[in-house]
Protein backbone atom coordinates (compact mmCIF):
# COMPACT_ATOMS: atom_id res chain seq x y z
CA MET A 1 0.00 0.00 0.00
CA ALA A 2 1.33 3.43 -0.95
CA SER A 3 2.03 5.53 2.15
CA SER A 4 -0.20 8.41 3.21
CA ASP A 5 2.64 10.82 2.48
CA VAL A 6 2.99 9.54 -1.09
CA ILE A 7 -0.76 9.82 -1.66
CA LYS A 8 -0.90 13.34 -0.20
CA ALA A 9 2.05 14.46 -2.30
CA GLN A 10 0.24 13.25 -5.43
CA LEU A 11 -2.73 15.55 -4.76
CA ALA A 12 -0.84 18.29 -6.60
CA LYS A 13 0.16 16.00 -9.50
CA THR A 14 -3.06 14.28 -10.47
CA LEU A 15 -3.80 13.79 -14.16
CA GLU A 16 -6.83 15.96 -14.81
CA GLY A 17 -6.71 15.75 -18.58
CA THR A 18 -4.56 15.52 -21.71
CA ASN A 19 -4.29 17.24 -25.07
CA PHE A 20 -2.06 15.18 -27.36
CA ALA A 21 -2.87 16.69 -30.76
CA ASN A 22 -0.62 14.29 -32.69
CA LEU A 23 -2.27 11.14 -31.33
CA GLY A 24 -5.31 11.50 -33.59
CA SER A 25 -8.90 12.61 -33.11
CA LYS A 26 -9.85 13.00 -29.46
CA TYR A 27 -12.95 12.02 -27.54
CA LYS A 28 -13.19 13.11 -23.90
CA GLY A 29 -15.26 10.90 -21.62
CA LYS A 30 -15.98 11.46 -17.96
CA VAL A 31 -12.77 9.68 -16.95
CA ARG A 32 -10.94 8.68 -20.13
CA ASP A 33 -9.33 10.76 -22.86
CA CYS A 34 -9.49 8.64 -26.02
CA TYR A 35 -7.52 9.18 -29.23
CA THR A 36 -8.27 7.34 -32.47
CA ARG A 37 -5.73 6.73 -35.21
CA ASP A 38 -5.22 4.02 -37.84
CA GLY A 39 -7.92 1.72 -36.48
CA ARG A 40 -6.58 1.86 -32.97
CA ARG A 41 -7.74 3.63 -29.85
CA ILE A 42 -5.27 5.10 -27.38
CA ILE A 43 -7.03 5.33 -24.02
CA VAL A 44 -5.57 7.61 -21.37
CA VAL A 45 -7.21 6.91 -18.01
CA THR A 46 -7.11 10.19 -16.10
CA ASP A 47 -7.50 10.70 -12.36
CA ARG A 48 -10.93 12.28 -12.82
CA ILE A 49 -13.72 10.76 -10.73
CA SER A 50 -17.34 10.81 -11.80
CA ALA A 51 -20.54 10.06 -9.93
CA PHE A 52 -24.14 11.10 -10.46
CA ASP A 53 -23.11 11.36 -14.15
CA LEU A 54 -20.84 14.32 -13.29
CA VAL A 55 -17.10 14.83 -12.96
CA LEU A 56 -16.40 15.66 -9.32
CA GLY A 57 -12.63 16.23 -9.28
CA THR A 58 -9.50 14.05 -9.21
CA ILE A 59 -8.20 11.24 -7.01
CA PRO A 60 -4.45 10.51 -6.63
CA PHE A 61 -3.29 7.46 -8.64
CA LYS A 62 -6.85 6.63 -9.67
CA GLY A 63 -6.00 6.39 -13.37
CA GLN A 64 -3.10 4.06 -12.68
CA VAL A 65 -5.25 1.77 -10.54
CA LEU A 66 -8.13 1.69 -13.01
CA ASN A 67 -5.98 1.04 -16.05
CA GLN A 68 -3.89 -1.69 -14.46
CA LEU A 69 -6.86 -3.39 -12.79
CA ALA A 70 -8.82 -3.34 -16.06
CA ALA A 71 -5.82 -4.87 -17.82
CA TYR A 72 -5.71 -7.59 -15.15
CA TRP A 73 -9.39 -8.46 -15.62
CA PHE A 74 -9.25 -8.32 -19.41
CA LYS A 75 -6.43 -10.86 -19.34
CA ALA A 76 -8.12 -13.04 -16.71
CA THR A 77 -11.39 -13.24 -18.67
CA GLY A 78 -9.91 -13.67 -22.13
CA HIS A 79 -10.95 -17.33 -22.17
CA LEU A 80 -14.59 -16.33 -21.60
CA ALA A 81 -15.02 -13.47 -24.07
CA PRO A 82 -12.86 -11.32 -26.35
CA ASN A 83 -11.81 -7.77 -25.50
CA HIS A 84 -10.22 -4.83 -27.26
CA VAL A 85 -6.79 -4.74 -25.55
CA ILE A 86 -3.61 -4.70 -27.63
CA GLU A 87 -1.05 -3.56 -25.05
CA VAL A 88 -0.55 -1.39 -21.96
CA PRO A 89 2.46 0.88 -22.66
CA ASP A 90 2.09 3.12 -19.58
CA PRO A 91 0.45 2.81 -16.14
CA THR A 92 -2.41 5.03 -17.34
CA VAL A 93 -2.53 4.14 -21.05
CA MET A 94 -4.15 1.27 -22.90
CA LEU A 95 -3.75 0.66 -26.63
CA ALA A 96 -6.85 -1.02 -28.04
CA THR A 97 -8.63 -1.97 -31.22
CA GLU A 98 -11.06 0.74 -32.29
CA CYS A 99 -14.60 -0.58 -31.89
CA THR A 100 -18.11 0.74 -32.45
CA LEU A 101 -19.84 1.14 -29.10
CA LEU A 102 -23.18 -0.56 -28.54
CA PRO A 103 -25.42 2.24 -27.16
CA VAL A 104 -26.40 0.28 -24.04
CA GLU A 105 -24.74 -0.27 -20.68
CA PHE A 106 -25.12 -3.86 -19.51
CA VAL A 107 -25.51 -3.64 -15.73
CA PHE A 108 -25.52 -6.80 -13.60
CA ARG A 109 -26.73 -6.63 -10.00
CA SER A 110 -26.76 -9.19 -7.20
CA TYR A 111 -27.84 -6.98 -4.28
CA LEU A 112 -30.55 -4.43 -3.54
CA THR A 113 -28.38 -1.37 -3.05
CA GLY A 114 -27.25 1.99 -4.41
CA VAL A 115 -27.73 5.72 -3.78
CA THR A 116 -28.21 7.22 -7.27
CA THR A 117 -31.58 7.74 -8.93
CA THR A 118 -30.80 4.89 -11.35
CA SER A 119 -30.07 2.43 -8.55
CA ILE A 120 -32.33 -0.51 -7.78
CA TRP A 121 -32.64 0.50 -4.09
CA TYR A 122 -33.71 4.05 -4.98
CA HIS A 123 -36.67 2.67 -6.90
CA TYR A 124 -37.47 -0.10 -4.43
CA GLN A 125 -37.69 2.17 -1.38
CA ARG A 126 -40.13 4.36 -3.32
CA GLY A 127 -42.49 1.45 -3.82
CA ALA A 128 -41.39 -0.03 -7.14
CA ARG A 129 -41.63 -3.81 -7.21
CA ARG A 130 -40.55 -4.17 -10.79
CA PHE A 131 -37.16 -2.97 -11.96
CA CYS A 132 -35.98 -3.23 -15.56
CA GLY A 133 -38.50 -5.99 -16.17
CA HIS A 134 -37.62 -7.99 -13.03
CA ALA A 135 -40.21 -8.63 -10.31
CA LEU A 136 -39.00 -7.90 -6.77
CA PRO A 137 -40.63 -9.32 -3.62
CA ASP A 138 -41.98 -7.19 -0.79
CA GLY A 139 -40.13 -6.94 2.50
CA MET A 140 -36.57 -6.67 1.24
CA LYS A 141 -34.01 -4.48 2.98
CA LYS A 142 -31.24 -2.30 1.66
CA ASN A 143 -28.08 -4.27 0.75
CA GLN A 144 -29.95 -7.60 0.76
CA ARG A 145 -28.84 -10.23 -1.73
CA LEU A 146 -31.19 -10.83 -4.65
CA GLU A 147 -32.40 -14.35 -5.37
CA LYS A 148 -30.19 -14.33 -8.47
CA ALA A 149 -28.11 -11.87 -10.44
CA ILE A 150 -30.21 -9.76 -12.80
CA LEU A 151 -29.43 -7.75 -15.90
CA THR A 152 -30.67 -4.16 -15.67
CA PRO A 153 -29.69 -2.35 -18.88
CA SER A 154 -29.12 1.37 -18.94
CA THR A 155 -29.37 3.93 -21.69
CA LYS A 156 -26.25 5.89 -22.61
CA ALA A 157 -26.87 9.58 -21.91
CA GLU A 158 -24.91 12.40 -23.47
CA GLN A 159 -22.46 14.14 -21.15
CA GLY A 160 -24.42 16.21 -18.67
CA GLY A 161 -27.47 13.96 -18.99
CA HIS A 162 -28.56 11.08 -16.79
CA ASP A 163 -28.55 7.41 -17.77
CA GLN A 164 -31.88 5.64 -17.43
CA SER A 165 -32.38 2.07 -16.19
CA VAL A 166 -34.73 0.25 -18.57
CA SER A 167 -35.87 -3.26 -19.46
CA ARG A 168 -34.73 -5.43 -22.36
CA GLU A 169 -38.11 -4.85 -24.01
CA GLU A 170 -37.79 -1.07 -23.72
CA ILE A 171 -34.27 -1.15 -25.15
CA LEU A 172 -35.37 -3.26 -28.12
CA ALA A 173 -38.46 -1.10 -28.68
CA SER A 174 -36.22 1.97 -28.94
CA GLY A 175 -34.47 0.41 -31.92
CA VAL A 176 -30.94 1.28 -30.76
CA ILE A 177 -29.85 -2.37 -30.77
CA SER A 178 -31.03 -5.64 -32.32
CA ALA A 179 -32.33 -8.52 -30.23
CA LYS A 180 -29.44 -10.73 -31.35
CA ASP A 181 -26.77 -8.20 -30.40
CA PHE A 182 -28.46 -7.54 -27.06
CA ASP A 183 -28.77 -11.22 -26.19
CA ASP A 184 -25.26 -12.10 -27.37
CA ALA A 185 -23.80 -9.24 -25.33
CA ALA A 186 -25.92 -10.16 -22.30
CA ALA A 187 -24.65 -13.76 -22.43
CA MET A 188 -21.04 -12.55 -22.56
CA CYS A 189 -21.63 -10.29 -19.58
CA ALA A 190 -23.33 -13.02 -17.56
CA ARG A 191 -20.32 -15.33 -17.99
CA VAL A 192 -17.83 -12.65 -17.01
CA PHE A 193 -19.89 -11.43 -14.05
CA ALA A 194 -20.19 -14.97 -12.64
CA PHE A 195 -16.44 -15.43 -13.07
CA GLY A 196 -15.74 -12.08 -11.42
CA GLN A 197 -17.87 -13.02 -8.43
CA GLU A 198 -15.99 -16.31 -8.07
CA VAL A 199 -12.60 -14.59 -8.15
CA ALA A 200 -13.75 -11.86 -5.74
CA ALA A 201 -15.04 -14.47 -3.29
CA LYS A 202 -11.64 -16.18 -3.24
CA ARG A 203 -10.12 -12.79 -2.35
CA GLY A 204 -12.55 -12.19 0.53
CA LEU A 205 -14.68 -9.78 -1.47
CA ILE A 206 -18.20 -9.58 -2.85
CA LEU A 207 -18.59 -8.30 -6.41
CA VAL A 208 -21.95 -6.66 -5.80
CA ASP A 209 -22.75 -5.20 -9.20
CA THR A 210 -21.01 -3.91 -12.28
CA LYS A 211 -21.58 -2.27 -15.63
CA TYR A 212 -20.11 -3.43 -18.92
CA GLU A 213 -19.46 -1.64 -22.19
CA ILE A 214 -19.60 -3.76 -25.33
CA GLY A 215 -18.21 -2.83 -28.74
CA ARG A 216 -18.22 -4.24 -32.24
CA ARG A 217 -14.81 -4.96 -33.77
CA PRO A 218 -14.07 -4.28 -37.45
CA ASP A 219 -14.80 -7.96 -38.24
CA GLY A 220 -18.31 -7.58 -36.80
CA SER A 221 -17.73 -9.58 -33.61
CA LEU A 222 -18.62 -8.23 -30.16
CA CYS A 223 -16.06 -7.69 -27.41
CA PHE A 224 -15.58 -6.00 -24.06
CA ILE A 225 -14.22 -2.46 -24.16
CA ASP A 226 -13.45 0.47 -21.86
CA GLU A 227 -12.94 -1.16 -18.43
CA LEU A 228 -13.75 -4.33 -16.54
CA HIS A 229 -14.53 -4.91 -12.84
CA THR A 230 -12.78 -1.72 -11.73
CA PRO A 231 -13.86 0.27 -8.64
CA ASP A 232 -15.38 2.81 -11.05
CA SER A 233 -17.59 0.34 -12.90
CA SER A 234 -18.20 -2.07 -10.03
CA ARG A 235 -19.23 -2.18 -6.41
CA TYR A 236 -17.14 -4.34 -4.04
CA TRP A 237 -17.80 -5.19 -0.41
CA TYR A 238 -15.72 -7.07 2.15
CA ALA A 239 -17.25 -10.52 2.58
CA ASP A 240 -16.13 -11.31 6.12
CA ASP A 241 -18.50 -8.99 7.96
CA TYR A 242 -21.19 -8.37 5.33
CA GLN A 243 -23.81 -10.54 7.03
CA ALA A 244 -23.18 -9.18 10.52
CA ARG A 245 -23.39 -5.59 9.31
CA PHE A 246 -26.50 -6.33 7.26
CA ASP A 247 -28.20 -7.93 10.26
CA CYS A 248 -27.46 -4.78 12.29
CA GLY A 249 -28.69 -2.46 9.57
CA GLU A 250 -25.20 -1.08 8.93
CA GLU A 251 -23.72 -0.27 5.54
CA PRO A 252 -21.26 -2.87 4.21
CA ARG A 253 -17.58 -2.01 4.14
CA GLY A 254 -16.78 -1.16 0.55
CA LEU A 255 -13.79 -0.59 -1.70
CA ASP A 256 -15.05 1.43 -4.63
CA LYS A 257 -16.25 4.90 -5.55
CA GLU A 258 -19.49 4.33 -3.64
CA TYR A 259 -17.58 5.90 -0.74
CA VAL A 260 -17.46 9.19 -2.64
CA ARG A 261 -21.11 8.92 -3.73
CA ARG A 262 -22.23 8.19 -0.19
CA THR A 263 -20.14 11.03 1.27
CA LEU A 264 -21.83 13.50 -1.06
CA ALA A 265 -25.27 11.96 -0.51
CA GLU A 266 -24.87 12.22 3.26
CA GLY A 267 -24.15 15.89 2.73
CA GLY A 268 -27.40 16.26 0.81
CA TYR A 269 -26.07 16.14 -2.77
CA LEU A 270 -27.78 13.65 -5.10
CA GLY A 271 -26.72 14.96 -8.48
CA ASP A 272 -28.82 18.09 -8.95
CA GLY A 273 -26.85 21.24 -9.71
CA PRO A 274 -23.08 21.74 -9.50
CA PRO A 275 -21.36 19.23 -7.19
CA PRO A 276 -19.60 20.43 -4.04
CA PRO A 277 -15.77 20.23 -4.09
CA LEU A 278 -14.16 17.10 -2.71
CA SER A 279 -11.98 17.68 0.32
CA ASP A 280 -8.37 16.48 0.31
CA GLU A 281 -9.32 14.04 3.06
CA VAL A 282 -12.01 12.45 0.89
CA ARG A 283 -9.68 12.38 -2.13
CA CYS A 284 -6.93 10.63 -0.16
CA GLU A 285 -9.31 8.13 1.43
CA ALA A 286 -10.76 7.30 -1.98
CA ALA A 287 -7.22 6.73 -3.27
CA ARG A 288 -6.46 4.35 -0.40
CA ARG A 289 -9.60 2.37 -1.17
CA TYR A 290 -8.81 2.12 -4.87
CA ILE A 291 -5.29 0.94 -4.13
CA ALA A 292 -6.45 -1.55 -1.50
CA LEU A 293 -8.89 -3.08 -3.96
CA TYR A 294 -6.21 -3.44 -6.61
CA GLU A 295 -3.94 -5.26 -4.18
CA LEU A 296 -6.69 -7.53 -2.87
CA VAL A 297 -7.96 -8.53 -6.31
CA THR A 298 -4.60 -9.02 -8.01
CA GLY A 299 -2.59 -10.26 -5.04
CA GLN A 300 0.14 -7.83 -6.11
CA GLU A 301 1.52 -4.71 -4.48
CA PHE A 302 0.49 -1.49 -6.19
CA VAL A 303 3.65 0.38 -7.19
CA PRO A 304 2.72 4.02 -7.87
CA ASP A 305 4.48 6.00 -10.55
CA THR A 306 4.94 9.46 -9.04
CA ALA A 307 6.48 11.06 -12.14
CA GLU A 308 4.71 14.05 -13.69
CA PRO A 309 2.08 12.18 -15.74
CA VAL A 310 1.88 14.15 -18.98
CA ALA A 311 5.65 14.11 -19.54
CA ARG A 312 5.81 10.41 -18.62
CA ILE A 313 3.04 9.49 -21.07
CA LYS A 314 4.72 11.46 -23.86
CA GLN A 315 7.96 9.65 -23.20
CA LYS A 316 6.31 6.21 -23.13
CA LEU A 317 4.38 6.83 -26.33
CA GLY A 318 7.26 8.56 -28.08
CA ILE A 319 5.35 11.76 -28.85
């Protein structure tokens, strides 16, 4: 685990964004700066953190953790489904095959939880007993395990908009994706989610839920893109005391960006209007959680690269 002093020192050197004009055409996502050239996508994972569909600020070493953990999972699941990775030339950079994004997020959930307006718990506590086409029984409590993992697709909103959780039927009725592509992608995601839960359990963790991005490669085949089972796309809880905390009505101990969401929600912010600034204390604690998750999942020590990130990336990519 990186020391508190190293994490604090990085507060002033986080990677907020990039502008590499000679890498090709640029697309800026909430967290990733993507450059496209010659059929390849160069993905720079910044230290930006997003929640409530907004960018909230930066977290030390977040980009390094996300990129390296995604690379770990892409490699570990290669036998289950293809992905877009070509190589990882820098701690925050992934070189990938350029794919056409399917305009749907494939979200798998195993627990009744969440704090955002798209979360299953948000709808359940307001009386909904059907979520994305799935019937839910009465009498459930927050953070309770569902009878089985369910797929709850989400629309892809433009930046500044809010994603919407919808059913398979609603997605197909919108015409944004064919039934075959939806079902093929859903089957891929189900295999990888089940595998991720198995691996997490062996590491003393619960993979609670996750979202997947699926793309179409130039040959027409589908593959995983963007990220996989990272603390940005997934919710992780410690397994050892989950049941005891649930029985007492306490929140599970987590290792993901839910900590930041919950901190803001407890302060009264749920995504409406400009977000409040993140304190250095929250930023450092979030960094510790990201790093701890990386080390638990991979079984490897996280070795932070404290060099100035833009210069380092230029040197690694030879630009």
